[in-house]
Amino acid sequence: MKKSGTLYLIPTILAEGTAEQVISPQVKDTVRHLTYFIVENLRTARRFVKSICPELVIEELNFVQVDKDATPAQVQASLKPLQEQGIDAGIISEAGCPGVADPGAEVVKYAHQKSIKVVPFAGPSAILLSLMGSGFNGQHFAFHGYLPIEKGPRLQALRQLEKEMLQRDQTQIFMETPYRNNKLLEDLVHNLSGSTRLCIAANITSPEHELIQTKTIAEWKGKLPDIHKQPAVFLIYK
């Protein structure tokens, strides 16, 4: 029976121009020897691969897109080259670590079902880096992804997160589509307790524009940063 290829989880950058600082030699060496990639976004992945391994000819590599709209059949098909030809593959997310708040998790799930070896590499994760920099509880925390868009359910979700924070002594972590960041900040300062602490972590790993700052809701009022269209993570804790 032919041995399956290995599925490598390749971390990518969070901020432009930071590959040299945040991507390890181990990742670069692995990418250098791969010819097949399963990616969230074709354009972003091709550009990333070229940036860390400029000697590679992108046209000679095979990229297959598996995004949030991919069907189970597409996910399964993406792993056929590993099963049938025994070639290795790399998963590349739009940003950060694949499989964490990322559709690559479905590929990894199916890989385990088919006994394909999975190898994750260390790299920048906005979720973990924001938690590390927040000063909040790193023993008990929960990541909730994106909050509801509609105002009513959104405010209800925020109040529920604050309630869980108190009841479980748990850091609550969430995100927003970048162009709605400022609106989320307004909702936070107008609907949470003044004593609740909020960490805003934007442009993580960017040498010029990174912001990681923790204050109480009362301290943030009237002094909110403008993070419109900037990638950000938000954390609350007591």
C-alpha atoms as a PDB file:
ATOM      1  CA  MET A   1       0.000   0.000   0.000  1.00  0.00           C
ATOM      2  CA  LYS A   2       1.367   3.400  -1.003  1.00  0.00           C
ATOM      3  CA  LYS A   3       2.330   5.632   1.906  1.00  0.00           C
ATOM      4  CA  SER A   4       0.404   8.913   2.148  1.00  0.00           C
ATOM      5  CA  GLY A   5       2.175  12.227   1.993  1.00  0.00           C
ATOM      6  CA  THR A   6       2.538  14.525   5.001  1.00  0.00           C
ATOM      7  CA  LEU A   7       0.331  17.559   5.585  1.00  0.00           C
ATOM      8  CA  TYR A   8       2.365  20.519   6.883  1.00  0.00           C
ATOM      9  CA  LEU A   9       0.620  23.453   8.566  1.00  0.00           C
ATOM     10  CA  ILE A  10       2.517  26.502   7.354  1.00  0.00           C
ATOM     11  CA  PRO A  11       2.117  29.727   9.391  1.00  0.00           C
ATOM     12  CA  THR A  12       2.154  32.978   7.472  1.00  0.00           C
ATOM     13  CA  ILE A  13       2.551  36.640   8.389  1.00  0.00           C
ATOM     14  CA  LEU A  14       0.089  38.902  10.217  1.00  0.00           C
ATOM     15  CA  ALA A  15       1.677  42.181   9.076  1.00  0.00           C
ATOM     16  CA  GLU A  16       3.218  43.073   5.724  1.00  0.00           C
ATOM     17  CA  GLY A  17       6.977  42.878   5.413  1.00  0.00           C
ATOM     18  CA  THR A  18       7.563  40.825   8.564  1.00  0.00           C
ATOM     19  CA  ALA A  19       8.377  37.384   7.112  1.00  0.00           C
ATOM     20  CA  GLU A  20      12.091  37.721   7.819  1.00  0.00           C
ATOM     21  CA  GLN A  21      11.381  38.326  11.508  1.00  0.00           C
ATOM     22  CA  VAL A  22       8.481  35.948  12.246  1.00  0.00           C
ATOM     23  CA  ILE A  23       8.835  32.980   9.873  1.00  0.00           C
ATOM     24  CA  SER A  24      11.335  30.366  11.056  1.00  0.00           C
ATOM     25  CA  PRO A  25      14.076  28.728   8.947  1.00  0.00           C
ATOM     26  CA  GLN A  26      12.269  25.404   9.519  1.00  0.00           C
ATOM     27  CA  VAL A  27       9.164  26.725   7.758  1.00  0.00           C
ATOM     28  CA  LYS A  28      11.170  28.172   4.879  1.00  0.00           C
ATOM     29  CA  ASP A  29      13.104  24.927   4.399  1.00  0.00           C
ATOM     30  CA  THR A  30       9.869  22.938   4.318  1.00  0.00           C
ATOM     31  CA  VAL A  31       8.165  25.271   1.833  1.00  0.00           C
ATOM     32  CA  ARG A  32      11.251  25.116  -0.368  1.00  0.00           C
ATOM     33  CA  HIS A  33      10.692  21.382  -0.855  1.00  0.00           C
ATOM     34  CA  LEU A  34       6.922  21.428  -1.401  1.00  0.00           C
ATOM     35  CA  THR A  35       5.171  21.581  -4.760  1.00  0.00           C
ATOM     36  CA  TYR A  36       1.557  21.375  -3.592  1.00  0.00           C
ATOM     37  CA  PHE A  37      -0.320  23.822  -1.353  1.00  0.00           C
ATOM     38  CA  ILE A  38      -3.884  23.897   0.033  1.00  0.00           C
ATOM     39  CA  VAL A  39      -4.668  27.560   0.706  1.00  0.00           C
ATOM     40  CA  GLU A  40      -7.381  29.907   1.915  1.00  0.00           C
ATOM     41  CA  ASN A  41      -6.585  32.560  -0.706  1.00  0.00           C
ATOM     42  CA  LEU A  42      -4.661  31.868  -3.905  1.00  0.00           C
ATOM     43  CA  ARG A  43      -3.203  35.339  -4.425  1.00  0.00           C
ATOM     44  CA  THR A  44      -2.091  35.803  -0.818  1.00  0.00           C
ATOM     45  CA  ALA A  45      -0.545  32.325  -0.631  1.00  0.00           C
ATOM     46  CA  ARG A  46       1.402  32.655  -3.878  1.00  0.00           C
ATOM     47  CA  ARG A  47       2.777  36.012  -2.791  1.00  0.00           C
ATOM     48  CA  PHE A  48       3.779  34.630   0.612  1.00  0.00           C
ATOM     49  CA  VAL A  49       5.557  31.586  -0.827  1.00  0.00           C
ATOM     50  CA  LYS A  50       7.484  33.798  -3.256  1.00  0.00           C
ATOM     51  CA  SER A  51       8.450  36.191  -0.454  1.00  0.00           C
ATOM     52  CA  ILE A  52      10.040  33.506   1.750  1.00  0.00           C
ATOM     53  CA  CYS A  53      11.444  31.343  -1.072  1.00  0.00           C
ATOM     54  CA  PRO A  54      12.197  33.732  -3.957  1.00  0.00           C
ATOM     55  CA  GLU A  55      14.085  31.041  -5.837  1.00  0.00           C
ATOM     56  CA  LEU A  56      10.884  29.028  -6.408  1.00  0.00           C
ATOM     57  CA  VAL A  57       9.036  29.363  -9.721  1.00  0.00           C
ATOM     58  CA  ILE A  58       5.420  29.915  -8.672  1.00  0.00           C
ATOM     59  CA  GLU A  59       4.083  28.728 -12.036  1.00  0.00           C
ATOM     60  CA  GLU A  60       5.614  25.309 -11.371  1.00  0.00           C
ATOM     61  CA  LEU A  61       3.746  24.904  -8.066  1.00  0.00           C
ATOM     62  CA  ASN A  62       0.189  23.698  -7.574  1.00  0.00           C
ATOM     63  CA  PHE A  63      -2.159  25.746  -5.381  1.00  0.00           C
ATOM     64  CA  VAL A  64      -5.695  24.574  -4.529  1.00  0.00           C
ATOM     65  CA  GLN A  65      -8.075  26.946  -2.741  1.00  0.00           C
ATOM     66  CA  VAL A  66     -10.112  25.683   0.203  1.00  0.00           C
ATOM     67  CA  ASP A  67     -11.920  28.607   1.833  1.00  0.00           C
ATOM     68  CA  LYS A  68     -14.888  28.944   4.181  1.00  0.00           C
ATOM     69  CA  ASP A  69     -17.296  28.174   1.320  1.00  0.00           C
ATOM     70  CA  ALA A  70     -15.587  24.938   0.293  1.00  0.00           C
ATOM     71  CA  THR A  71     -17.786  21.846   0.205  1.00  0.00           C
ATOM     72  CA  PRO A  72     -16.866  18.594   1.963  1.00  0.00           C
ATOM     73  CA  ALA A  73     -16.171  17.113  -1.481  1.00  0.00           C
ATOM     74  CA  GLN A  74     -13.695  19.908  -2.257  1.00  0.00           C
ATOM     75  CA  VAL A  75     -11.981  19.432   1.092  1.00  0.00           C
ATOM     76  CA  GLN A  76     -11.606  15.713   0.461  1.00  0.00           C
ATOM     77  CA  ALA A  77     -10.427  16.262  -3.112  1.00  0.00           C
ATOM     78  CA  SER A  78      -7.669  18.586  -1.897  1.00  0.00           C
ATOM     79  CA  LEU A  79      -6.035  15.657  -0.087  1.00  0.00           C
ATOM     80  CA  LYS A  80      -6.190  13.149  -2.944  1.00  0.00           C
ATOM     81  CA  PRO A  81      -2.639  13.934  -4.153  1.00  0.00           C
ATOM     82  CA  LEU A  82      -1.359  12.976  -0.697  1.00  0.00           C
ATOM     83  CA  GLN A  83      -3.345   9.739  -0.656  1.00  0.00           C
ATOM     84  CA  GLU A  84      -2.926   8.655  -4.265  1.00  0.00           C
ATOM     85  CA  GLN A  85       0.501  10.019  -5.164  1.00  0.00           C
ATOM     86  CA  GLY A  86       2.158  10.170  -1.754  1.00  0.00           C
ATOM     87  CA  ILE A  87       3.239  13.790  -2.204  1.00  0.00           C
ATOM     88  CA  ASP A  88       3.566  16.220   0.714  1.00  0.00           C
ATOM     89  CA  ALA A  89       1.400  19.340   0.997  1.00  0.00           C
ATOM     90  CA  GLY A  90       1.357  22.604   2.910  1.00  0.00           C
ATOM     91  CA  ILE A  91      -1.717  24.398   4.257  1.00  0.00           C
ATOM     92  CA  ILE A  92      -1.505  28.189   4.195  1.00  0.00           C
ATOM     93  CA  SER A  93      -4.086  30.470   5.825  1.00  0.00           C
ATOM     94  CA  GLU A  94      -4.919  34.026   4.815  1.00  0.00           C
ATOM     95  CA  ALA A  95      -2.947  35.177   7.866  1.00  0.00           C
ATOM     96  CA  GLY A  96      -1.377  33.577  10.914  1.00  0.00           C
ATOM     97  CA  CYS A  97      -1.606  29.903  11.802  1.00  0.00           C
ATOM     98  CA  PRO A  98      -3.729  27.562   9.678  1.00  0.00           C
ATOM     99  CA  GLY A  99      -6.451  25.597  11.432  1.00  0.00           C
ATOM    100  CA  VAL A 100      -7.053  28.253  14.093  1.00  0.00           C
ATOM    101  CA  ALA A 101     -10.206  30.242  13.263  1.00  0.00           C
ATOM    102  CA  ASP A 102      -9.469  29.104   9.727  1.00  0.00           C
ATOM    103  CA  PRO A 103     -11.117  26.801   7.151  1.00  0.00           C
ATOM    104  CA  GLY A 104      -7.913  24.749   7.019  1.00  0.00           C
ATOM    105  CA  ALA A 105      -9.231  22.999  10.132  1.00  0.00           C
ATOM    106  CA  GLU A 106     -11.603  20.999   7.913  1.00  0.00           C
ATOM    107  CA  VAL A 107      -8.697  19.772   5.813  1.00  0.00           C
ATOM    108  CA  VAL A 108      -6.817  18.728   8.945  1.00  0.00           C
ATOM    109  CA  LYS A 109      -9.896  16.937  10.297  1.00  0.00           C
ATOM    110  CA  TYR A 110     -10.239  14.912   7.112  1.00  0.00           C
ATOM    111  CA  ALA A 111      -6.503  14.201   7.053  1.00  0.00           C
ATOM    112  CA  HIS A 112      -6.766  12.566  10.471  1.00  0.00           C
ATOM    113  CA  GLN A 113      -9.727  10.491   9.299  1.00  0.00           C
ATOM    114  CA  LYS A 114      -7.558   9.179   6.468  1.00  0.00           C
ATOM    115  CA  SER A 115      -4.499   8.596   8.704  1.00  0.00           C
ATOM    116  CA  ILE A 116      -2.466  11.283   6.952  1.00  0.00           C
ATOM    117  CA  LYS A 117       0.390  12.566   9.089  1.00  0.00           C
ATOM    118  CA  VAL A 118      -0.152  16.186  10.230  1.00  0.00           C
ATOM    119  CA  VAL A 119       2.796  18.405  11.171  1.00  0.00           C
ATOM    120  CA  PRO A 120       2.072  21.895  12.608  1.00  0.00           C
ATOM    121  CA  PHE A 121       4.783  24.560  12.685  1.00  0.00           C
ATOM    122  CA  ALA A 122       5.092  27.391  15.187  1.00  0.00           C
ATOM    123  CA  GLY A 123       4.355  30.864  13.892  1.00  0.00           C
ATOM    124  CA  PRO A 124       2.485  34.108  14.572  1.00  0.00           C
ATOM    125  CA  SER A 125      -1.042  33.649  15.951  1.00  0.00           C
ATOM    126  CA  ALA A 126      -3.028  36.845  16.550  1.00  0.00           C
ATOM    127  CA  ILE A 127      -5.127  35.069  19.170  1.00  0.00           C
ATOM    128  CA  LEU A 128      -2.247  33.828  21.302  1.00  0.00           C
ATOM    129  CA  LEU A 129      -0.071  36.912  20.829  1.00  0.00           C
ATOM    130  CA  SER A 130      -2.921  39.187  21.925  1.00  0.00           C
ATOM    131  CA  LEU A 131      -3.558  37.015  24.979  1.00  0.00           C
ATOM    132  CA  MET A 132       0.140  37.045  25.862  1.00  0.00           C
ATOM    133  CA  GLY A 133       0.245  40.833  25.593  1.00  0.00           C
ATOM    134  CA  SER A 134      -3.009  41.554  27.409  1.00  0.00           C
ATOM    135  CA  GLY A 135      -2.046  40.752  30.989  1.00  0.00           C
ATOM    136  CA  PHE A 136      -5.243  38.709  31.295  1.00  0.00           C
ATOM    137  CA  ASN A 137      -5.906  35.176  32.520  1.00  0.00           C
ATOM    138  CA  GLY A 138      -3.905  32.808  30.342  1.00  0.00           C
ATOM    139  CA  GLN A 139      -5.016  29.696  32.240  1.00  0.00           C
ATOM    140  CA  HIS A 140      -8.708  30.053  31.402  1.00  0.00           C
ATOM    141  CA  PHE A 141      -9.734  31.731  28.167  1.00  0.00           C
ATOM    142  CA  ALA A 142     -12.179  31.303  25.293  1.00  0.00           C
ATOM    143  CA  PHE A 143     -12.041  32.482  21.694  1.00  0.00           C
ATOM    144  CA  HIS A 144     -15.436  33.354  20.197  1.00  0.00           C
ATOM    145  CA  GLY A 145     -14.522  34.398  16.669  1.00  0.00           C
ATOM    146  CA  TYR A 146     -16.759  37.054  15.120  1.00  0.00           C
ATOM    147  CA  LEU A 147     -19.700  38.570  16.999  1.00  0.00           C
ATOM    148  CA  PRO A 148     -23.170  38.989  15.411  1.00  0.00           C
ATOM    149  CA  ILE A 149     -23.524  41.840  12.918  1.00  0.00           C
ATOM    150  CA  GLU A 150     -27.048  42.937  13.938  1.00  0.00           C
ATOM    151  CA  LYS A 151     -27.070  45.388  16.832  1.00  0.00           C
ATOM    152  CA  GLY A 152     -29.506  43.539  19.115  1.00  0.00           C
ATOM    153  CA  PRO A 153     -27.812  40.116  19.022  1.00  0.00           C
ATOM    154  CA  ARG A 154     -24.418  41.836  19.094  1.00  0.00           C
ATOM    155  CA  LEU A 155     -25.108  43.691  22.351  1.00  0.00           C
ATOM    156  CA  GLN A 156     -26.632  40.551  23.822  1.00  0.00           C
ATOM    157  CA  ALA A 157     -23.465  38.637  22.912  1.00  0.00           C
ATOM    158  CA  LEU A 158     -21.254  41.262  24.560  1.00  0.00           C
ATOM    159  CA  ARG A 159     -23.230  41.129  27.792  1.00  0.00           C
ATOM    160  CA  GLN A 160     -23.103  37.337  27.747  1.00  0.00           C
ATOM    161  CA  LEU A 161     -19.312  37.411  27.285  1.00  0.00           C
ATOM    162  CA  GLU A 162     -18.964  39.739  30.264  1.00  0.00           C
ATOM    163  CA  LYS A 163     -21.194  37.435  32.299  1.00  0.00           C
ATOM    164  CA  GLU A 164     -19.105  34.374  31.388  1.00  0.00           C
ATOM    165  CA  MET A 165     -15.930  36.309  32.160  1.00  0.00           C
ATOM    166  CA  LEU A 166     -17.139  36.863  35.729  1.00  0.00           C
ATOM    167  CA  GLN A 167     -18.749  33.478  36.317  1.00  0.00           C
ATOM    168  CA  ARG A 168     -15.867  31.404  34.924  1.00  0.00           C
ATOM    169  CA  ASP A 169     -12.926  33.702  35.725  1.00  0.00           C
ATOM    170  CA  GLN A 170     -12.180  33.460  32.007  1.00  0.00           C
ATOM    171  CA  THR A 171     -10.614  35.810  29.459  1.00  0.00           C
ATOM    172  CA  GLN A 172     -12.981  36.377  26.536  1.00  0.00           C
ATOM    173  CA  ILE A 173     -11.379  36.846  23.092  1.00  0.00           C
ATOM    174  CA  PHE A 174     -13.157  37.901  19.915  1.00  0.00           C
ATOM    175  CA  MET A 175     -12.650  39.620  16.565  1.00  0.00           C
ATOM    176  CA  GLU A 176     -14.459  41.881  14.125  1.00  0.00           C
ATOM    177  CA  THR A 177     -14.346  42.557  10.408  1.00  0.00           C
ATOM    178  CA  PRO A 178     -11.772  45.396  10.256  1.00  0.00           C
ATOM    179  CA  TYR A 179     -14.105  48.006   8.769  1.00  0.00           C
ATOM    180  CA  ARG A 180     -16.463  47.547  11.743  1.00  0.00           C
ATOM    181  CA  ASN A 181     -13.763  47.801  14.431  1.00  0.00           C
ATOM    182  CA  ASN A 182     -14.582  51.329  15.547  1.00  0.00           C
ATOM    183  CA  LYS A 183     -18.282  50.540  15.835  1.00  0.00           C
ATOM    184  CA  LEU A 184     -17.472  47.529  18.010  1.00  0.00           C
ATOM    185  CA  LEU A 185     -15.322  49.704  20.270  1.00  0.00           C
ATOM    186  CA  GLU A 186     -18.224  52.122  20.725  1.00  0.00           C
ATOM    187  CA  ASP A 187     -20.534  49.226  21.613  1.00  0.00           C
ATOM    188  CA  LEU A 188     -17.994  47.935  24.128  1.00  0.00           C
ATOM    189  CA  VAL A 189     -17.525  51.197  26.015  1.00  0.00           C
ATOM    190  CA  HIS A 190     -21.250  51.956  26.086  1.00  0.00           C
ATOM    191  CA  ASN A 191     -22.479  48.548  27.191  1.00  0.00           C
ATOM    192  CA  LEU A 192     -19.892  46.936  29.452  1.00  0.00           C
ATOM    193  CA  SER A 193     -19.150  47.700  33.087  1.00  0.00           C
ATOM    194  CA  GLY A 194     -16.702  50.539  33.661  1.00  0.00           C
ATOM    195  CA  SER A 195     -14.509  48.227  35.743  1.00  0.00           C
ATOM    196  CA  THR A 196     -14.189  45.550  33.044  1.00  0.00           C
ATOM    197  CA  ARG A 197     -10.780  45.627  31.408  1.00  0.00           C
ATOM    198  CA  LEU A 198     -10.492  45.724  27.630  1.00  0.00           C
ATOM    199  CA  CYS A 199      -7.355  44.932  25.658  1.00  0.00           C
ATOM    200  CA  ILE A 200      -7.167  46.224  22.090  1.00  0.00           C
ATOM    201  CA  ALA A 201      -4.553  44.385  20.025  1.00  0.00           C
ATOM    202  CA  ALA A 202      -4.213  45.759  16.486  1.00  0.00           C
ATOM    203  CA  ASN A 203      -1.616  45.284  13.751  1.00  0.00           C
ATOM    204  CA  ILE A 204       0.124  42.590  15.788  1.00  0.00           C
ATOM    205  CA  THR A 205       3.826  42.101  14.857  1.00  0.00           C
ATOM    206  CA  SER A 206       3.874  45.285  12.749  1.00  0.00           C
ATOM    207  CA  PRO A 207       7.074  47.165  13.721  1.00  0.00           C
ATOM    208  CA  GLU A 208       5.496  50.579  13.107  1.00  0.00           C
ATOM    209  CA  HIS A 209       1.773  50.278  13.783  1.00  0.00           C
ATOM    210  CA  GLU A 210       1.337  47.607  16.456  1.00  0.00           C
ATOM    211  CA  LEU A 211      -1.023  48.565  19.291  1.00  0.00           C
ATOM    212  CA  ILE A 212      -1.501  46.314  22.321  1.00  0.00           C
ATOM    213  CA  GLN A 213      -3.005  48.237  25.204  1.00  0.00           C
ATOM    214  CA  THR A 214      -5.147  47.311  28.210  1.00  0.00           C
ATOM    215  CA  LYS A 215      -7.374  49.724  30.156  1.00  0.00           C
ATOM    216  CA  THR A 216     -10.677  49.595  31.986  1.00  0.00           C
ATOM    217  CA  ILE A 217     -13.776  50.457  30.011  1.00  0.00           C
ATOM    218  CA  ALA A 218     -14.024  53.662  32.060  1.00  0.00           C
ATOM    219  CA  GLU A 219     -10.460  54.614  31.074  1.00  0.00           C
ATOM    220  CA  TRP A 220     -11.111  53.914  27.379  1.00  0.00           C
ATOM    221  CA  LYS A 221     -14.169  56.222  27.217  1.00  0.00           C
ATOM    222  CA  GLY A 222     -13.395  59.269  25.118  1.00  0.00           C
ATOM    223  CA  LYS A 223      -9.919  57.941  24.293  1.00  0.00           C
ATOM    224  CA  LEU A 224     -10.586  55.138  21.810  1.00  0.00           C
ATOM    225  CA  PRO A 225      -7.981  54.600  19.081  1.00  0.00           C
ATOM    226  CA  ASP A 226      -8.933  54.765  15.414  1.00  0.00           C
ATOM    227  CA  ILE A 227      -8.399  51.203  14.154  1.00  0.00           C
ATOM    228  CA  HIS A 228     -10.705  51.376  11.147  1.00  0.00           C
ATOM    229  CA  LYS A 229      -9.750  48.705   8.581  1.00  0.00           C
ATOM    230  CA  GLN A 230      -6.894  47.449  10.757  1.00  0.00           C
ATOM    231  CA  PRO A 231      -6.678  43.750  11.766  1.00  0.00           C
ATOM    232  CA  ALA A 232      -7.447  43.538  15.461  1.00  0.00           C
ATOM    233  CA  VAL A 233      -8.279  41.205  18.336  1.00  0.00           C
ATOM    234  CA  PHE A 234     -10.318  42.251  21.375  1.00  0.00           C
ATOM    235  CA  LEU A 235     -10.104  40.755  24.869  1.00  0.00           C
ATOM    236  CA  ILE A 236     -12.071  41.439  28.035  1.00  0.00           C
ATOM    237  CA  TYR A 237     -11.358  40.354  31.602  1.00  0.00           C
ATOM    238  CA  LYS A 238     -12.272  41.499  35.086  1.00  0.00           C
END
